[in-house]
Amino acid sequence: EVIISDMMRQIGVPAHIKGYRYLRTSIR
C-alpha cells in the first residue's frame, strides 16, 4: 500500500479525491 501510494503521489494523483482510494485498491 505504501509503495502504491508513493507511486501515485509521484505521478500526480491527488490524495483527496475519491478516485485515489479506488485506484490504490484496484492496483493492490
mmCIF file of all heavy atoms, coordinates in Angstrom:
data_MODEL
# 
_entry.id   MODEL 
# 
loop_
_atom_site.group_PDB 
_atom_site.id 
_atom_site.type_symbol 
_atom_site.label_atom_id 
_atom_site.label_alt_id 
_atom_site.label_comp_id 
_atom_site.label_asym_id 
_atom_site.label_entity_id 
_atom_site.label_seq_id 
_atom_site.pdbx_PDB_ins_code 
_atom_site.Cartn_x 
_atom_site.Cartn_y 
_atom_site.Cartn_z 
_atom_site.occupancy 
_atom_site.B_iso_or_equiv 
_atom_site.pdbx_formal_charge 
_atom_site.auth_seq_id 
_atom_site.auth_comp_id 
_atom_site.auth_asym_id 
_atom_site.auth_atom_id 
_atom_site.pdbx_PDB_model_num 
ATOM 1   N N   . GLU A 1 1  ? 0.834   -1.207 0.000   1.00 0.00 ? 1  GLU A N   1 
ATOM 2   C CA  . GLU A 1 1  ? 0.000   0.000  0.000   1.00 0.00 ? 1  GLU A CA  1 
ATOM 3   C C   . GLU A 1 1  ? 0.871   1.260  0.000   1.00 0.00 ? 1  GLU A C   1 
ATOM 4   O O   . GLU A 1 1  ? 0.568   2.237  -0.693  1.00 0.00 ? 1  GLU A O   1 
ATOM 5   C CB  . GLU A 1 1  ? -0.912  0.002  1.234   1.00 0.00 ? 1  GLU A CB  1 
ATOM 6   C CG  . GLU A 1 1  ? -2.021  -1.032 1.201   1.00 0.00 ? 1  GLU A CG  1 
ATOM 7   C CD  . GLU A 1 1  ? -3.262  -0.522 0.488   1.00 0.00 ? 1  GLU A CD  1 
ATOM 8   O OE1 . GLU A 1 1  ? -3.223  0.584  -0.063  1.00 0.00 ? 1  GLU A OE1 1 
ATOM 9   O OE2 . GLU A 1 1  ? -4.266  -1.249 0.485   1.00 0.00 ? 1  GLU A OE2 1 
ATOM 10  N N   . VAL A 1 2  ? 1.946   1.229  0.773   1.00 0.00 ? 2  VAL A N   1 
ATOM 11  C CA  . VAL A 1 2  ? 2.840   2.387  0.845   1.00 0.00 ? 2  VAL A CA  1 
ATOM 12  C C   . VAL A 1 2  ? 3.503   2.633  -0.501  1.00 0.00 ? 2  VAL A C   1 
ATOM 13  O O   . VAL A 1 2  ? 3.607   3.775  -0.968  1.00 0.00 ? 2  VAL A O   1 
ATOM 14  C CB  . VAL A 1 2  ? 3.917   2.178  1.943   1.00 0.00 ? 2  VAL A CB  1 
ATOM 15  C CG1 . VAL A 1 2  ? 5.005   3.245  1.836   1.00 0.00 ? 2  VAL A CG1 1 
ATOM 16  C CG2 . VAL A 1 2  ? 3.280   2.222  3.324   1.00 0.00 ? 2  VAL A CG2 1 
ATOM 17  N N   . ILE A 1 3  ? 3.961   1.561  -1.154  1.00 0.00 ? 3  ILE A N   1 
ATOM 18  C CA  . ILE A 1 3  ? 4.610   1.696  -2.456  1.00 0.00 ? 3  ILE A CA  1 
ATOM 19  C C   . ILE A 1 3  ? 3.627   2.225  -3.494  1.00 0.00 ? 3  ILE A C   1 
ATOM 20  O O   . ILE A 1 3  ? 3.958   3.105  -4.300  1.00 0.00 ? 3  ILE A O   1 
ATOM 21  C CB  . ILE A 1 3  ? 5.200   0.341  -2.910  1.00 0.00 ? 3  ILE A CB  1 
ATOM 22  C CG1 . ILE A 1 3  ? 6.352   -0.061 -1.983  1.00 0.00 ? 3  ILE A CG1 1 
ATOM 23  C CG2 . ILE A 1 3  ? 5.687   0.421  -4.349  1.00 0.00 ? 3  ILE A CG2 1 
ATOM 24  C CD1 . ILE A 1 3  ? 6.888   -1.446 -2.231  1.00 0.00 ? 3  ILE A CD1 1 
ATOM 25  N N   . ILE A 1 4  ? 2.411   1.693  -3.479  1.00 0.00 ? 4  ILE A N   1 
ATOM 26  C CA  . ILE A 1 4  ? 1.384   2.170  -4.418  1.00 0.00 ? 4  ILE A CA  1 
ATOM 27  C C   . ILE A 1 4  ? 1.110   3.652  -4.184  1.00 0.00 ? 4  ILE A C   1 
ATOM 28  O O   . ILE A 1 4  ? 1.046   4.450  -5.126  1.00 0.00 ? 4  ILE A O   1 
ATOM 29  C CB  . ILE A 1 4  ? 0.086   1.357  -4.266  1.00 0.00 ? 4  ILE A CB  1 
ATOM 30  C CG1 . ILE A 1 4  ? 0.301   -0.103 -4.662  1.00 0.00 ? 4  ILE A CG1 1 
ATOM 31  C CG2 . ILE A 1 4  ? -1.026  1.966  -5.129  1.00 0.00 ? 4  ILE A CG2 1 
ATOM 32  C CD1 . ILE A 1 4  ? -0.850  -1.015 -4.333  1.00 0.00 ? 4  ILE A CD1 1 
ATOM 33  N N   . SER A 1 5  ? 0.937   4.022  -2.928  1.00 0.00 ? 5  SER A N   1 
ATOM 34  C CA  . SER A 1 5  ? 0.647   5.418  -2.588  1.00 0.00 ? 5  SER A CA  1 
ATOM 35  C C   . SER A 1 5  ? 1.780   6.333  -3.035  1.00 0.00 ? 5  SER A C   1 
ATOM 36  O O   . SER A 1 5  ? 1.550   7.433  -3.547  1.00 0.00 ? 5  SER A O   1 
ATOM 37  C CB  . SER A 1 5  ? 0.423   5.564  -1.075  1.00 0.00 ? 5  SER A CB  1 
ATOM 38  O OG  . SER A 1 5  ? -0.704  4.822  -0.665  1.00 0.00 ? 5  SER A OG  1 
ATOM 39  N N   . ASP A 1 6  ? 3.020   5.868  -2.851  1.00 0.00 ? 6  ASP A N   1 
ATOM 40  C CA  . ASP A 1 6  ? 4.176   6.676  -3.250  1.00 0.00 ? 6  ASP A CA  1 
ATOM 41  C C   . ASP A 1 6  ? 4.209   6.872  -4.761  1.00 0.00 ? 6  ASP A C   1 
ATOM 42  O O   . ASP A 1 6  ? 4.461   7.977  -5.247  1.00 0.00 ? 6  ASP A O   1 
ATOM 43  C CB  . ASP A 1 6  ? 5.459   6.002  -2.767  1.00 0.00 ? 6  ASP A CB  1 
ATOM 44  C CG  . ASP A 1 6  ? 6.695   6.814  -3.105  1.00 0.00 ? 6  ASP A CG  1 
ATOM 45  O OD1 . ASP A 1 6  ? 6.833   7.930  -2.571  1.00 0.00 ? 6  ASP A OD1 1 
ATOM 46  O OD2 . ASP A 1 6  ? 7.505   6.349  -3.934  1.00 0.00 ? 6  ASP A OD2 1 
ATOM 47  N N   . MET A 1 7  ? 3.935   5.811  -5.502  1.00 0.00 ? 7  MET A N   1 
ATOM 48  C CA  . MET A 1 7  ? 3.909   5.926  -6.957  1.00 0.00 ? 7  MET A CA  1 
ATOM 49  C C   . MET A 1 7  ? 2.820   6.891  -7.422  1.00 0.00 ? 7  MET A C   1 
ATOM 50  O O   . MET A 1 7  ? 3.040   7.729  -8.293  1.00 0.00 ? 7  MET A O   1 
ATOM 51  C CB  . MET A 1 7  ? 3.682   4.553  -7.593  1.00 0.00 ? 7  MET A CB  1 
ATOM 52  C CG  . MET A 1 7  ? 4.913   3.683  -7.664  1.00 0.00 ? 7  MET A CG  1 
ATOM 53  S SD  . MET A 1 7  ? 4.641   2.239  -8.730  1.00 0.00 ? 7  MET A SD  1 
ATOM 54  C CE  . MET A 1 7  ? 6.299   1.573  -8.821  1.00 0.00 ? 7  MET A CE  1 
ATOM 55  N N   . MET A 1 8  ? 1.648   6.772  -6.821  1.00 0.00 ? 8  MET A N   1 
ATOM 56  C CA  . MET A 1 8  ? 0.535   7.632  -7.218  1.00 0.00 ? 8  MET A CA  1 
ATOM 57  C C   . MET A 1 8  ? 0.819   9.093  -6.878  1.00 0.00 ? 8  MET A C   1 
ATOM 58  O O   . MET A 1 8  ? 0.461   10.004 -7.623  1.00 0.00 ? 8  MET A O   1 
ATOM 59  C CB  . MET A 1 8  ? -0.753  7.146  -6.561  1.00 0.00 ? 8  MET A CB  1 
ATOM 60  C CG  . MET A 1 8  ? -1.265  5.841  -7.154  1.00 0.00 ? 8  MET A CG  1 
ATOM 61  S SD  . MET A 1 8  ? -2.635  5.121  -6.233  1.00 0.00 ? 8  MET A SD  1 
ATOM 62  C CE  . MET A 1 8  ? -3.830  6.430  -6.312  1.00 0.00 ? 8  MET A CE  1 
ATOM 63  N N   . ARG A 1 9  ? 1.482   9.314  -5.757  1.00 0.00 ? 9  ARG A N   1 
ATOM 64  C CA  . ARG A 1 9  ? 1.848   10.681 -5.379  1.00 0.00 ? 9  ARG A CA  1 
ATOM 65  C C   . ARG A 1 9  ? 2.817   11.262 -6.396  1.00 0.00 ? 9  ARG A C   1 
ATOM 66  O O   . ARG A 1 9  ? 2.680   12.416 -6.829  1.00 0.00 ? 9  ARG A O   1 
ATOM 67  C CB  . ARG A 1 9  ? 2.489   10.679 -3.985  1.00 0.00 ? 9  ARG A CB  1 
ATOM 68  C CG  . ARG A 1 9  ? 2.981   12.052 -3.532  1.00 0.00 ? 9  ARG A CG  1 
ATOM 69  C CD  . ARG A 1 9  ? 3.780   11.951 -2.251  1.00 0.00 ? 9  ARG A CD  1 
ATOM 70  N NE  . ARG A 1 9  ? 4.932   11.090 -2.380  1.00 0.00 ? 9  ARG A NE  1 
ATOM 71  C CZ  . ARG A 1 9  ? 6.068   11.433 -2.989  1.00 0.00 ? 9  ARG A CZ  1 
ATOM 72  N NH1 . ARG A 1 9  ? 6.185   12.630 -3.543  1.00 0.00 ? 9  ARG A NH1 1 
ATOM 73  N NH2 . ARG A 1 9  ? 7.077   10.597 -3.061  1.00 0.00 ? 9  ARG A NH2 1 
ATOM 74  N N   . GLN A 1 10 ? 3.816   10.458 -6.802  1.00 0.00 ? 10 GLN A N   1 
ATOM 75  C CA  . GLN A 1 10 ? 4.791   10.926 -7.786  1.00 0.00 ? 10 GLN A CA  1 
ATOM 76  C C   . GLN A 1 10 ? 4.133   11.224 -9.126  1.00 0.00 ? 10 GLN A C   1 
ATOM 77  O O   . GLN A 1 10 ? 4.464   12.206 -9.796  1.00 0.00 ? 10 GLN A O   1 
ATOM 78  C CB  . GLN A 1 10 ? 5.878   9.878  -7.981  1.00 0.00 ? 10 GLN A CB  1 
ATOM 79  C CG  . GLN A 1 10 ? 6.802   9.699  -6.790  1.00 0.00 ? 10 GLN A CG  1 
ATOM 80  C CD  . GLN A 1 10 ? 7.920   8.740  -7.120  1.00 0.00 ? 10 GLN A CD  1 
ATOM 81  O OE1 . GLN A 1 10 ? 8.724   8.977  -7.997  1.00 0.00 ? 10 GLN A OE1 1 
ATOM 82  N NE2 . GLN A 1 10 ? 7.968   7.621  -6.428  1.00 0.00 ? 10 GLN A NE2 1 
ATOM 83  N N   . ILE A 1 11 ? 3.200   10.380 -9.518  1.00 0.00 ? 11 ILE A N   1 
ATOM 84  C CA  . ILE A 1 11 ? 2.528   10.550 -10.808 1.00 0.00 ? 11 ILE A CA  1 
ATOM 85  C C   . ILE A 1 11 ? 1.640   11.783 -10.802 1.00 0.00 ? 11 ILE A C   1 
ATOM 86  O O   . ILE A 1 11 ? 1.467   12.452 -11.818 1.00 0.00 ? 11 ILE A O   1 
ATOM 87  C CB  . ILE A 1 11 ? 1.718   9.286  -11.154 1.00 0.00 ? 11 ILE A CB  1 
ATOM 88  C CG1 . ILE A 1 11 ? 2.679   8.152  -11.512 1.00 0.00 ? 11 ILE A CG1 1 
ATOM 89  C CG2 . ILE A 1 11 ? 0.739   9.541  -12.294 1.00 0.00 ? 11 ILE A CG2 1 
ATOM 90  C CD1 . ILE A 1 11 ? 2.020   6.810  -11.632 1.00 0.00 ? 11 ILE A CD1 1 
ATOM 91  N N   . GLY A 1 12 ? 1.089   12.125 -9.634  1.00 0.00 ? 12 GLY A N   1 
ATOM 92  C CA  . GLY A 1 12 ? 0.287   13.333 -9.538  1.00 0.00 ? 12 GLY A CA  1 
ATOM 93  C C   . GLY A 1 12 ? -1.178  13.108 -9.279  1.00 0.00 ? 12 GLY A C   1 
ATOM 94  O O   . GLY A 1 12 ? -2.009  13.986 -9.559  1.00 0.00 ? 12 GLY A O   1 
ATOM 95  N N   . VAL A 1 13 ? -1.536  11.940 -8.729  1.00 0.00 ? 13 VAL A N   1 
ATOM 96  C CA  . VAL A 1 13 ? -2.938  11.692 -8.369  1.00 0.00 ? 13 VAL A CA  1 
ATOM 97  C C   . VAL A 1 13 ? -3.187  12.291 -6.994  1.00 0.00 ? 13 VAL A C   1 
ATOM 98  O O   . VAL A 1 13 ? -2.582  11.859 -6.008  1.00 0.00 ? 13 VAL A O   1 
ATOM 99  C CB  . VAL A 1 13 ? -3.252  10.180 -8.339  1.00 0.00 ? 13 VAL A CB  1 
ATOM 100 C CG1 . VAL A 1 13 ? -4.714  9.954  -7.967  1.00 0.00 ? 13 VAL A CG1 1 
ATOM 101 C CG2 . VAL A 1 13 ? -2.931  9.532  -9.676  1.00 0.00 ? 13 VAL A CG2 1 
ATOM 102 N N   . PRO A 1 14 ? -4.069  13.289 -6.863  1.00 0.00 ? 14 PRO A N   1 
ATOM 103 C CA  . PRO A 1 14 ? -4.308  13.933 -5.568  1.00 0.00 ? 14 PRO A CA  1 
ATOM 104 C C   . PRO A 1 14 ? -4.946  12.959 -4.568  1.00 0.00 ? 14 PRO A C   1 
ATOM 105 O O   . PRO A 1 14 ? -5.866  12.214 -4.923  1.00 0.00 ? 14 PRO A O   1 
ATOM 106 C CB  . PRO A 1 14 ? -5.285  15.077 -5.899  1.00 0.00 ? 14 PRO A CB  1 
ATOM 107 C CG  . PRO A 1 14 ? -5.177  15.269 -7.375  1.00 0.00 ? 14 PRO A CG  1 
ATOM 108 C CD  . PRO A 1 14 ? -4.857  13.921 -7.940  1.00 0.00 ? 14 PRO A CD  1 
ATOM 109 N N   . ALA A 1 15 ? -4.455  12.968 -3.351  1.00 0.00 ? 15 ALA A N   1 
ATOM 110 C CA  . ALA A 1 15 ? -4.935  12.019 -2.347  1.00 0.00 ? 15 ALA A CA  1 
ATOM 111 C C   . ALA A 1 15 ? -6.340  12.343 -1.843  1.00 0.00 ? 15 ALA A C   1 
ATOM 112 O O   . ALA A 1 15 ? -6.988  11.487 -1.232  1.00 0.00 ? 15 ALA A O   1 
ATOM 113 C CB  . ALA A 1 15 ? -3.963  11.976 -1.171  1.00 0.00 ? 15 ALA A CB  1 
ATOM 114 N N   . HIS A 1 16 ? -6.827  13.553 -2.095  1.00 0.00 ? 16 HIS A N   1 
ATOM 115 C CA  . HIS A 1 16 ? -8.109  13.944 -1.512  1.00 0.00 ? 16 HIS A CA  1 
ATOM 116 C C   . HIS A 1 16 ? -9.315  13.560 -2.371  1.00 0.00 ? 16 HIS A C   1 
ATOM 117 O O   . HIS A 1 16 ? -10.450 13.672 -1.920  1.00 0.00 ? 16 HIS A O   1 
ATOM 118 C CB  . HIS A 1 16 ? -8.138  15.466 -1.265  1.00 0.00 ? 16 HIS A CB  1 
ATOM 119 C CG  . HIS A 1 16 ? -8.133  16.269 -2.525  1.00 0.00 ? 16 HIS A CG  1 
ATOM 120 N ND1 . HIS A 1 16 ? -6.969  16.564 -3.190  1.00 0.00 ? 16 HIS A ND1 1 
ATOM 121 C CD2 . HIS A 1 16 ? -9.133  16.827 -3.249  1.00 0.00 ? 16 HIS A CD2 1 
ATOM 122 C CE1 . HIS A 1 16 ? -7.255  17.282 -4.260  1.00 0.00 ? 16 HIS A CE1 1 
ATOM 123 N NE2 . HIS A 1 16 ? -8.561  17.456 -4.327  1.00 0.00 ? 16 HIS A NE2 1 
ATOM 124 N N   . ILE A 1 17 ? -9.080  13.099 -3.600  1.00 0.00 ? 17 ILE A N   1 
ATOM 125 C CA  . ILE A 1 17 ? -10.224 12.749 -4.442  1.00 0.00 ? 17 ILE A CA  1 
ATOM 126 C C   . ILE A 1 17 ? -10.566 11.260 -4.281  1.00 0.00 ? 17 ILE A C   1 
ATOM 127 O O   . ILE A 1 17 ? -9.709  10.432 -3.960  1.00 0.00 ? 17 ILE A O   1 
ATOM 128 C CB  . ILE A 1 17 ? -9.961  13.079 -5.923  1.00 0.00 ? 17 ILE A CB  1 
ATOM 129 C CG1 . ILE A 1 17 ? -8.760  12.294 -6.456  1.00 0.00 ? 17 ILE A CG1 1 
ATOM 130 C CG2 . ILE A 1 17 ? -9.722  14.577 -6.103  1.00 0.00 ? 17 ILE A CG2 1 
ATOM 131 C CD1 . ILE A 1 17 ? -8.480  12.534 -7.927  1.00 0.00 ? 17 ILE A CD1 1 
ATOM 132 N N   . LYS A 1 18 ? -11.837 10.915 -4.531  1.00 0.00 ? 18 LYS A N   1 
ATOM 133 C CA  . LYS A 1 18 ? -12.295 9.541  -4.329  1.00 0.00 ? 18 LYS A CA  1 
ATOM 134 C C   . LYS A 1 18 ? -11.544 8.556  -5.213  1.00 0.00 ? 18 LYS A C   1 
ATOM 135 O O   . LYS A 1 18 ? -11.244 7.431  -4.806  1.00 0.00 ? 18 LYS A O   1 
ATOM 136 C CB  . LYS A 1 18 ? -13.791 9.443  -4.615  1.00 0.00 ? 18 LYS A CB  1 
ATOM 137 C CG  . LYS A 1 18 ? -14.671 10.063 -3.540  1.00 0.00 ? 18 LYS A CG  1 
ATOM 138 C CD  . LYS A 1 18 ? -16.139 9.851  -3.856  1.00 0.00 ? 18 LYS A CD  1 
ATOM 139 C CE  . LYS A 1 18 ? -17.015 10.438 -2.770  1.00 0.00 ? 18 LYS A CE  1 
ATOM 140 N NZ  . LYS A 1 18 ? -18.461 10.259 -3.061  1.00 0.00 ? 18 LYS A NZ  1 
ATOM 141 N N   . GLY A 1 19 ? -11.240 8.988  -6.421  1.00 0.00 ? 19 GLY A N   1 
ATOM 142 C CA  . GLY A 1 19 ? -10.558 8.092  -7.346  1.00 0.00 ? 19 GLY A CA  1 
ATOM 143 C C   . GLY A 1 19 ? -9.218  7.602  -6.837  1.00 0.00 ? 19 GLY A C   1 
ATOM 144 O O   . GLY A 1 19 ? -8.766  6.523  -7.230  1.00 0.00 ? 19 GLY A O   1 
ATOM 145 N N   . TYR A 1 20 ? -8.582  8.376  -5.976  1.00 0.00 ? 20 TYR A N   1 
ATOM 146 C CA  . TYR A 1 20 ? -7.289  7.985  -5.408  1.00 0.00 ? 20 TYR A CA  1 
ATOM 147 C C   . TYR A 1 20 ? -7.432  6.675  -4.639  1.00 0.00 ? 20 TYR A C   1 
ATOM 148 O O   . TYR A 1 20 ? -6.669  5.727  -4.842  1.00 0.00 ? 20 TYR A O   1 
ATOM 149 C CB  . TYR A 1 20 ? -6.776  9.093  -4.492  1.00 0.00 ? 20 TYR A CB  1 
ATOM 150 C CG  . TYR A 1 20 ? -5.483  8.776  -3.769  1.00 0.00 ? 20 TYR A CG  1 
ATOM 151 C CD1 . TYR A 1 20 ? -4.250  9.111  -4.320  1.00 0.00 ? 20 TYR A CD1 1 
ATOM 152 C CD2 . TYR A 1 20 ? -5.495  8.149  -2.522  1.00 0.00 ? 20 TYR A CD2 1 
ATOM 153 C CE1 . TYR A 1 20 ? -3.067  8.824  -3.658  1.00 0.00 ? 20 TYR A CE1 1 
ATOM 154 C CE2 . TYR A 1 20 ? -4.318  7.857  -1.854  1.00 0.00 ? 20 TYR A CE2 1 
ATOM 155 C CZ  . TYR A 1 20 ? -3.115  8.198  -2.424  1.00 0.00 ? 20 TYR A CZ  1 
ATOM 156 O OH  . TYR A 1 20 ? -1.942  7.907  -1.759  1.00 0.00 ? 20 TYR A OH  1 
ATOM 157 N N   . ARG A 1 21 ? -8.425  6.608  -3.747  1.00 0.00 ? 21 ARG A N   1 
ATOM 158 C CA  . ARG A 1 21 ? -8.631  5.401  -2.941  1.00 0.00 ? 21 ARG A CA  1 
ATOM 159 C C   . ARG A 1 21 ? -9.041  4.219  -3.813  1.00 0.00 ? 21 ARG A C   1 
ATOM 160 O O   . ARG A 1 21 ? -8.561  3.093  -3.635  1.00 0.00 ? 21 ARG A O   1 
ATOM 161 C CB  . ARG A 1 21 ? -9.686  5.653  -1.867  1.00 0.00 ? 21 ARG A CB  1 
ATOM 162 C CG  . ARG A 1 21 ? -9.241  6.616  -0.768  1.00 0.00 ? 21 ARG A CG  1 
ATOM 163 C CD  . ARG A 1 21 ? -10.326 6.772  0.265   1.00 0.00 ? 21 ARG A CD  1 
ATOM 164 N NE  . ARG A 1 21 ? -11.528 7.388  -0.313  1.00 0.00 ? 21 ARG A NE  1 
ATOM 165 C CZ  . ARG A 1 21 ? -12.740 7.281  0.216   1.00 0.00 ? 21 ARG A CZ  1 
ATOM 166 N NH1 . ARG A 1 21 ? -12.928 6.577  1.316   1.00 0.00 ? 21 ARG A NH1 1 
ATOM 167 N NH2 . ARG A 1 21 ? -13.774 7.883  -0.356  1.00 0.00 ? 21 ARG A NH2 1 
ATOM 168 N N   . TYR A 1 22 ? -9.940  4.476  -4.759  1.00 0.00 ? 22 TYR A N   1 
ATOM 169 C CA  . TYR A 1 22 ? -10.397 3.400  -5.635  1.00 0.00 ? 22 TYR A CA  1 
ATOM 170 C C   . TYR A 1 22 ? -9.249  2.868  -6.492  1.00 0.00 ? 22 TYR A C   1 
ATOM 171 O O   . TYR A 1 22 ? -9.125  1.661  -6.711  1.00 0.00 ? 22 TYR A O   1 
ATOM 172 C CB  . TYR A 1 22 ? -11.521 3.893  -6.546  1.00 0.00 ? 22 TYR A CB  1 
ATOM 173 C CG  . TYR A 1 22 ? -12.762 4.397  -5.828  1.00 0.00 ? 22 TYR A CG  1 
ATOM 174 C CD1 . TYR A 1 22 ? -13.665 5.240  -6.479  1.00 0.00 ? 22 TYR A CD1 1 
ATOM 175 C CD2 . TYR A 1 22 ? -13.035 4.031  -4.515  1.00 0.00 ? 22 TYR A CD2 1 
ATOM 176 C CE1 . TYR A 1 22 ? -14.805 5.707  -5.846  1.00 0.00 ? 22 TYR A CE1 1 
ATOM 177 C CE2 . TYR A 1 22 ? -14.170 4.498  -3.864  1.00 0.00 ? 22 TYR A CE2 1 
ATOM 178 C CZ  . TYR A 1 22 ? -15.058 5.344  -4.534  1.00 0.00 ? 22 TYR A CZ  1 
ATOM 179 O OH  . TYR A 1 22 ? -16.182 5.799  -3.891  1.00 0.00 ? 22 TYR A OH  1 
ATOM 180 N N   . LEU A 1 23 ? -8.416  3.780  -6.961  1.00 0.00 ? 23 LEU A N   1 
ATOM 181 C CA  . LEU A 1 23 ? -7.281  3.405  -7.804  1.00 0.00 ? 23 LEU A CA  1 
ATOM 182 C C   . LEU A 1 23 ? -6.256  2.613  -7.007  1.00 0.00 ? 23 LEU A C   1 
ATOM 183 O O   . LEU A 1 23 ? -5.744  1.581  -7.467  1.00 0.00 ? 23 LEU A O   1 
ATOM 184 C CB  . LEU A 1 23 ? -6.653  4.675  -8.384  1.00 0.00 ? 23 LEU A CB  1 
ATOM 185 C CG  . LEU A 1 23 ? -5.670  4.552  -9.549  1.00 0.00 ? 23 LEU A CG  1 
ATOM 186 C CD1 . LEU A 1 23 ? -6.251  3.703  -10.673 1.00 0.00 ? 23 LEU A CD1 1 
ATOM 187 C CD2 . LEU A 1 23 ? -5.316  5.938  -10.058 1.00 0.00 ? 23 LEU A CD2 1 
ATOM 188 N N   . ARG A 1 24 ? -5.966  3.075  -5.811  1.00 0.00 ? 24 ARG A N   1 
ATOM 189 C CA  . ARG A 1 24 ? -4.994  2.376  -4.958  1.00 0.00 ? 24 ARG A CA  1 
ATOM 190 C C   . ARG A 1 24 ? -5.462  0.958  -4.660  1.00 0.00 ? 24 ARG A C   1 
ATOM 191 O O   . ARG A 1 24 ? -4.684  0.000  -4.739  1.00 0.00 ? 24 ARG A O   1 
ATOM 192 C CB  . ARG A 1 24 ? -4.781  3.153  -3.659  1.00 0.00 ? 24 ARG A CB  1 
ATOM 193 C CG  . ARG A 1 24 ? -3.711  2.553  -2.741  1.00 0.00 ? 24 ARG A CG  1 
ATOM 194 C CD  . ARG A 1 24 ? -3.515  3.407  -1.511  1.00 0.00 ? 24 ARG A CD  1 
ATOM 195 N NE  . ARG A 1 24 ? -4.739  3.496  -0.723  1.00 0.00 ? 24 ARG A NE  1 
ATOM 196 C CZ  . ARG A 1 24 ? -4.890  4.283  0.345   1.00 0.00 ? 24 ARG A CZ  1 
ATOM 197 N NH1 . ARG A 1 24 ? -3.887  5.067  0.714   1.00 0.00 ? 24 ARG A NH1 1 
ATOM 198 N NH2 . ARG A 1 24 ? -6.015  4.306  1.019   1.00 0.00 ? 24 ARG A NH2 1 
ATOM 199 N N   . THR A 1 25 ? -6.728  0.821  -4.325  1.00 0.00 ? 25 THR A N   1 
ATOM 200 C CA  . THR A 1 25 ? -7.275  -0.505 -4.031  1.00 0.00 ? 25 THR A CA  1 
ATOM 201 C C   . THR A 1 25 ? -7.283  -1.381 -5.274  1.00 0.00 ? 25 THR A C   1 
ATOM 202 O O   . THR A 1 25 ? -6.971  -2.576 -5.211  1.00 0.00 ? 25 THR A O   1 
ATOM 203 C CB  . THR A 1 25 ? -8.707  -0.376 -3.476  1.00 0.00 ? 25 THR A CB  1 
ATOM 204 O OG1 . THR A 1 25 ? -8.682  0.407  -2.277  1.00 0.00 ? 25 THR A OG1 1 
ATOM 205 C CG2 . THR A 1 25 ? -9.298  -1.745 -3.148  1.00 0.00 ? 25 THR A CG2 1 
ATOM 206 N N   . SER A 1 26 ? -7.608  -0.813 -6.421  1.00 0.00 ? 26 SER A N   1 
ATOM 207 C CA  . SER A 1 26 ? -7.634  -1.575 -7.675  1.00 0.00 ? 26 SER A CA  1 
ATOM 208 C C   . SER A 1 26 ? -6.256  -2.119 -8.021  1.00 0.00 ? 26 SER A C   1 
ATOM 209 O O   . SER A 1 26 ? -6.113  -3.284 -8.424  1.00 0.00 ? 26 SER A O   1 
ATOM 210 C CB  . SER A 1 26 ? -8.136  -0.691 -8.820  1.00 0.00 ? 26 SER A CB  1 
ATOM 211 O OG  . SER A 1 26 ? -9.468  -0.277 -8.611  1.00 0.00 ? 26 SER A OG  1 
ATOM 212 N N   . ILE A 1 27 ? -5.237  -1.290 -7.850  1.00 0.00 ? 27 ILE A N   1 
ATOM 213 C CA  . ILE A 1 27 ? -3.868  -1.729 -8.139  1.00 0.00 ? 27 ILE A CA  1 
ATOM 214 C C   . ILE A 1 27 ? -3.460  -2.858 -7.197  1.00 0.00 ? 27 ILE A C   1 
ATOM 215 O O   . ILE A 1 27 ? -2.883  -3.868 -7.616  1.00 0.00 ? 27 ILE A O   1 
ATOM 216 C CB  . ILE A 1 27 ? -2.889  -0.544 -8.033  1.00 0.00 ? 27 ILE A CB  1 
ATOM 217 C CG1 . ILE A 1 27 ? -3.190  0.488  -9.129  1.00 0.00 ? 27 ILE A CG1 1 
ATOM 218 C CG2 . ILE A 1 27 ? -1.436  -1.018 -8.142  1.00 0.00 ? 27 ILE A CG2 1 
ATOM 219 C CD1 . ILE A 1 27 ? -2.495  1.815  -8.937  1.00 0.00 ? 27 ILE A CD1 1 
ATOM 220 N N   . ARG A 1 28 ? -3.778  -2.696 -5.916  1.00 0.00 ? 28 ARG A N   1 
ATOM 221 C CA  . ARG A 1 28 ? -3.438  -3.750 -4.940  1.00 0.00 ? 28 ARG A CA  1 
ATOM 222 C C   . ARG A 1 28 ? -4.125  -5.065 -5.286  1.00 0.00 ? 28 ARG A C   1 
ATOM 223 O O   . ARG A 1 28 ? -3.502  -6.128 -5.259  1.00 0.00 ? 28 ARG A O   1 
ATOM 224 C CB  . ARG A 1 28 ? -3.830  -3.307 -3.532  1.00 0.00 ? 28 ARG A CB  1 
ATOM 225 C CG  . ARG A 1 28 ? -3.633  -4.402 -2.483  1.00 0.00 ? 28 ARG A CG  1 
ATOM 226 C CD  . ARG A 1 28 ? -3.957  -3.915 -1.077  1.00 0.00 ? 28 ARG A CD  1 
ATOM 227 N NE  . ARG A 1 28 ? -5.304  -3.395 -0.957  1.00 0.00 ? 28 ARG A NE  1 
ATOM 228 C CZ  . ARG A 1 28 ? -6.405  -4.148 -0.850  1.00 0.00 ? 28 ARG A CZ  1 
ATOM 229 N NH1 . ARG A 1 28 ? -6.306  -5.478 -0.891  1.00 0.00 ? 28 ARG A NH1 1 
ATOM 230 N NH2 . ARG A 1 28 ? -7.589  -3.596 -0.714  1.00 0.00 ? 28 ARG A NH2 1 
# 
